[in-house]
Amino acid sequence: MIHNVKIRSQYYNALKSGLKKFEIRKNDRGYKVGDLLALNEIDNGGNYTDRAAVCKIVYILDGFEGLSADYVALGVELLLADSGGTYDG
């Protein structure tokens, strides 16, 4: 399954550079290991930029006392970045 989500520029840049290997997300989509995240960059004004990335979910941390009950930490592997435009699956 492909999940299309937004990502702010500062987090997109950290993901693209390899510094950030996780996403904290509300678990309202039924994320599963092996699913893909299509991360469409937005600027501080909430407008889409022309950059997108695709990541594979490789690990899911849920039920951890440091996370709200309805949130998960997703371990991700970057597959594609700066694909030009938003990714819609």
N, C-alpha and C. Protein backbone atom coordinates (compact mmCIF):
# COMPACT_ATOMS: atom_id res chain seq x y z
N MET A 1 0.85 -1.18 0.00
CA MET A 1 0.00 0.00 0.00
C MET A 1 0.89 1.24 0.00
N ILE A 2 0.44 2.29 -0.67
CA ILE A 2 1.15 3.57 -0.70
C ILE A 2 0.34 4.59 0.09
N HIS A 3 1.00 5.25 1.04
CA HIS A 3 0.38 6.29 1.85
C HIS A 3 0.93 7.64 1.40
N ASN A 4 0.08 8.51 0.89
CA ASN A 4 0.48 9.85 0.47
C ASN A 4 0.34 10.80 1.65
N VAL A 5 1.46 11.39 2.07
CA VAL A 5 1.45 12.30 3.21
C VAL A 5 2.31 13.52 2.91
N LYS A 6 2.08 14.56 3.67
CA LYS A 6 2.86 15.79 3.55
C LYS A 6 4.06 15.73 4.49
N ILE A 7 5.11 16.48 4.13
CA ILE A 7 6.28 16.59 4.99
C ILE A 7 6.83 18.01 4.85
N ARG A 8 7.11 18.66 5.96
CA ARG A 8 7.68 20.02 5.92
C ARG A 8 9.12 19.96 5.41
N SER A 9 9.55 21.07 4.82
CA SER A 9 10.87 21.16 4.18
C SER A 9 12.01 20.75 5.09
N GLN A 10 12.01 21.21 6.34
CA GLN A 10 13.13 20.89 7.24
C GLN A 10 13.26 19.39 7.46
N TYR A 11 12.15 18.69 7.54
CA TYR A 11 12.18 17.25 7.74
C TYR A 11 12.50 16.51 6.43
N TYR A 12 12.01 17.05 5.33
CA TYR A 12 12.32 16.49 4.02
C TYR A 12 13.83 16.52 3.78
N ASN A 13 14.44 17.67 4.05
CA ASN A 13 15.88 17.82 3.84
C ASN A 13 16.68 16.84 4.70
N ALA A 14 16.28 16.66 5.95
CA ALA A 14 16.98 15.72 6.83
C ALA A 14 16.81 14.28 6.35
N LEU A 15 15.63 13.96 5.85
CA LEU A 15 15.37 12.63 5.30
C LEU A 15 16.22 12.38 4.07
N LYS A 16 16.22 13.36 3.16
CA LYS A 16 16.96 13.22 1.90
C LYS A 16 18.46 13.07 2.15
N SER A 17 18.99 13.80 3.14
CA SER A 17 20.43 13.74 3.42
C SER A 17 20.84 12.45 4.13
N GLY A 18 19.87 11.70 4.64
CA GLY A 18 20.17 10.46 5.34
C GLY A 18 20.26 10.61 6.84
N LEU A 19 20.12 11.83 7.36
CA LEU A 19 20.18 12.05 8.81
C LEU A 19 18.93 11.53 9.52
N LYS A 20 17.80 11.63 8.85
CA LYS A 20 16.52 11.24 9.46
C LYS A 20 16.06 9.93 8.82
N LYS A 21 15.86 8.92 9.65
CA LYS A 21 15.48 7.60 9.15
C LYS A 21 14.17 7.12 9.79
N PHE A 22 13.34 8.07 10.16
CA PHE A 22 12.08 7.73 10.82
C PHE A 22 11.04 8.80 10.53
N GLU A 23 9.80 8.46 10.75
CA GLU A 23 8.67 9.38 10.69
C GLU A 23 7.80 9.11 11.91
N ILE A 24 7.37 10.17 12.56
CA ILE A 24 6.38 10.06 13.64
C ILE A 24 5.04 10.45 13.01
N ARG A 25 4.11 9.55 13.04
CA ARG A 25 2.82 9.78 12.37
C ARG A 25 1.67 9.30 13.23
N LYS A 26 0.53 9.99 13.09
CA LYS A 26 -0.70 9.49 13.69
C LYS A 26 -1.04 8.20 12.96
N ASN A 27 -1.39 7.18 13.70
CA ASN A 27 -1.66 5.88 13.09
C ASN A 27 -3.13 5.78 12.68
N ASP A 28 -3.50 6.64 11.74
CA ASP A 28 -4.87 6.67 11.24
C ASP A 28 -4.99 6.03 9.86
N ARG A 29 -3.91 5.38 9.41
CA ARG A 29 -3.88 4.80 8.07
C ARG A 29 -3.59 3.30 8.07
N GLY A 30 -3.41 2.73 9.24
CA GLY A 30 -3.11 1.30 9.30
C GLY A 30 -1.77 0.94 8.70
N TYR A 31 -0.75 1.72 9.03
CA TYR A 31 0.60 1.48 8.50
C TYR A 31 1.05 0.06 8.79
N LYS A 32 1.77 -0.53 7.83
CA LYS A 32 2.33 -1.87 7.98
C LYS A 32 3.75 -1.89 7.43
N VAL A 33 4.59 -2.74 8.01
CA VAL A 33 5.94 -2.93 7.47
C VAL A 33 5.81 -3.37 6.02
N GLY A 34 6.60 -2.75 5.15
CA GLY A 34 6.55 -3.05 3.72
C GLY A 34 5.74 -2.03 2.93
N ASP A 35 4.87 -1.26 3.60
CA ASP A 35 4.12 -0.20 2.92
C ASP A 35 5.09 0.88 2.48
N LEU A 36 4.64 1.70 1.52
CA LEU A 36 5.42 2.83 1.04
C LEU A 36 4.81 4.13 1.53
N LEU A 37 5.68 5.08 1.85
CA LEU A 37 5.27 6.45 2.18
C LEU A 37 5.66 7.34 1.01
N ALA A 38 4.71 8.01 0.41
CA ALA A 38 4.98 9.03 -0.59
C ALA A 38 4.94 10.35 0.17
N LEU A 39 6.12 10.93 0.39
CA LEU A 39 6.26 12.14 1.19
C LEU A 39 6.35 13.34 0.27
N ASN A 40 5.31 14.16 0.26
CA ASN A 40 5.23 15.33 -0.60
C ASN A 40 5.57 16.57 0.21
N GLU A 41 6.66 17.24 -0.19
CA GLU A 41 7.17 18.37 0.58
C GLU A 41 6.23 19.57 0.50
N ILE A 42 6.05 20.21 1.68
CA ILE A 42 5.34 21.49 1.74
C ILE A 42 6.23 22.50 2.43
N ASP A 43 6.06 23.77 2.06
CA ASP A 43 6.84 24.84 2.69
C ASP A 43 6.15 25.29 3.97
N ASN A 44 6.71 26.30 4.63
CA ASN A 44 6.15 26.77 5.90
C ASN A 44 4.75 27.36 5.75
N GLY A 45 4.39 27.74 4.55
CA GLY A 45 3.04 28.26 4.30
C GLY A 45 2.04 27.17 3.98
N GLY A 46 2.50 25.91 3.93
CA GLY A 46 1.61 24.79 3.64
C GLY A 46 1.42 24.53 2.16
N ASN A 47 2.22 25.19 1.33
CA ASN A 47 2.13 25.02 -0.12
C ASN A 47 3.06 23.90 -0.58
N TYR A 48 2.58 23.10 -1.53
CA TYR A 48 3.43 22.04 -2.07
C TYR A 48 4.60 22.65 -2.83
N THR A 49 5.77 22.07 -2.65
CA THR A 49 6.94 22.43 -3.44
C THR A 49 6.97 21.45 -4.62
N ASP A 50 8.05 21.41 -5.32
CA ASP A 50 8.16 20.49 -6.45
C ASP A 50 9.03 19.28 -6.10
N ARG A 51 9.05 18.92 -4.80
CA ARG A 51 9.89 17.79 -4.39
C ARG A 51 9.05 16.75 -3.66
N ALA A 52 9.40 15.49 -3.93
CA ALA A 52 8.72 14.37 -3.29
C ALA A 52 9.72 13.25 -3.08
N ALA A 53 9.44 12.40 -2.12
CA ALA A 53 10.29 11.25 -1.83
C ALA A 53 9.41 10.04 -1.58
N VAL A 54 9.97 8.88 -1.83
CA VAL A 54 9.27 7.63 -1.55
C VAL A 54 10.15 6.82 -0.60
N CYS A 55 9.56 6.37 0.50
CA CYS A 55 10.27 5.57 1.49
C CYS A 55 9.49 4.28 1.74
N LYS A 56 10.23 3.25 2.12
CA LYS A 56 9.63 1.99 2.51
C LYS A 56 9.63 1.91 4.04
N ILE A 57 8.51 1.50 4.62
CA ILE A 57 8.44 1.31 6.07
C ILE A 57 9.12 -0.01 6.41
N VAL A 58 10.16 0.06 7.24
CA VAL A 58 10.93 -1.14 7.58
C VAL A 58 10.75 -1.54 9.04
N TYR A 59 10.16 -0.66 9.86
CA TYR A 59 9.96 -0.96 11.28
C TYR A 59 8.85 -0.06 11.80
N ILE A 60 8.05 -0.57 12.73
CA ILE A 60 7.01 0.23 13.36
C ILE A 60 7.11 0.08 14.87
N LEU A 61 7.24 1.21 15.55
CA LEU A 61 7.25 1.24 17.01
C LEU A 61 5.90 1.82 17.45
N ASP A 62 5.12 1.03 18.17
CA ASP A 62 3.86 1.52 18.71
C ASP A 62 3.70 1.01 20.13
N GLY A 63 2.80 1.61 20.86
CA GLY A 63 2.59 1.20 22.24
C GLY A 63 3.72 1.62 23.18
N PHE A 64 4.59 2.49 22.73
CA PHE A 64 5.71 2.97 23.54
C PHE A 64 5.20 4.09 24.43
N GLU A 65 5.57 4.08 25.70
CA GLU A 65 5.01 5.07 26.64
C GLU A 65 5.38 6.50 26.30
N GLY A 66 6.39 6.72 25.49
CA GLY A 66 6.78 8.07 25.08
C GLY A 66 5.98 8.61 23.92
N LEU A 67 5.15 7.77 23.32
CA LEU A 67 4.30 8.19 22.20
C LEU A 67 2.85 8.23 22.64
N SER A 68 2.10 9.19 22.12
CA SER A 68 0.67 9.19 22.36
C SER A 68 0.08 7.89 21.84
N ALA A 69 -1.01 7.49 22.42
CA ALA A 69 -1.61 6.18 22.11
C ALA A 69 -1.91 6.00 20.62
N ASP A 70 -2.23 7.07 19.91
CA ASP A 70 -2.61 6.92 18.51
C ASP A 70 -1.49 7.30 17.53
N TYR A 71 -0.25 7.35 18.03
CA TYR A 71 0.91 7.68 17.18
C TYR A 71 1.89 6.51 17.12
N VAL A 72 2.64 6.46 16.00
CA VAL A 72 3.67 5.45 15.81
C VAL A 72 4.95 6.12 15.31
N ALA A 73 6.07 5.47 15.57
CA ALA A 73 7.34 5.86 14.98
C ALA A 73 7.62 4.85 13.87
N LEU A 74 7.79 5.33 12.66
CA LEU A 74 8.02 4.48 11.52
C LEU A 74 9.49 4.54 11.12
N GLY A 75 10.17 3.42 11.16
CA GLY A 75 11.52 3.34 10.62
C GLY A 75 11.39 3.26 9.11
N VAL A 76 12.11 4.14 8.37
CA VAL A 76 11.95 4.19 6.92
C VAL A 76 13.29 4.06 6.21
N GLU A 77 13.20 3.54 5.00
CA GLU A 77 14.34 3.43 4.09
C GLU A 77 14.01 4.26 2.86
N LEU A 78 14.84 5.27 2.57
CA LEU A 78 14.62 6.14 1.42
C LEU A 78 14.87 5.37 0.13
N LEU A 79 13.89 5.40 -0.77
CA LEU A 79 14.00 4.72 -2.06
C LEU A 79 14.22 5.70 -3.20
N LEU A 80 13.57 6.87 -3.14
CA LEU A 80 13.60 7.84 -4.22
C LEU A 80 13.36 9.22 -3.64
N ALA A 81 14.14 10.22 -4.10
CA ALA A 81 13.95 11.59 -3.62
C ALA A 81 14.01 12.55 -4.79
N ASP A 82 13.36 13.69 -4.62
CA ASP A 82 13.30 14.74 -5.64
C ASP A 82 12.77 14.21 -6.96
N SER A 83 11.66 13.52 -6.86
CA SER A 83 11.10 12.92 -8.07
C SER A 83 10.38 13.92 -8.96
N GLY A 84 10.32 15.18 -8.53
CA GLY A 84 9.70 16.22 -9.36
C GLY A 84 8.19 16.18 -9.27
N GLY A 85 7.61 17.08 -8.52
CA GLY A 85 6.18 17.14 -8.34
C GLY A 85 5.73 16.21 -7.23
N THR A 86 4.45 16.27 -6.92
CA THR A 86 3.93 15.41 -5.87
C THR A 86 3.75 14.01 -6.41
N TYR A 87 3.84 13.07 -5.54
CA TYR A 87 3.67 11.65 -5.90
C TYR A 87 2.27 11.25 -5.50
N ASP A 88 1.52 10.69 -6.40
CA ASP A 88 0.14 10.32 -6.08
C ASP A 88 -0.13 8.83 -6.21
N GLY A 89 0.93 8.04 -6.26
CA GLY A 89 0.79 6.59 -6.29
C GLY A 89 0.33 6.11 -7.63
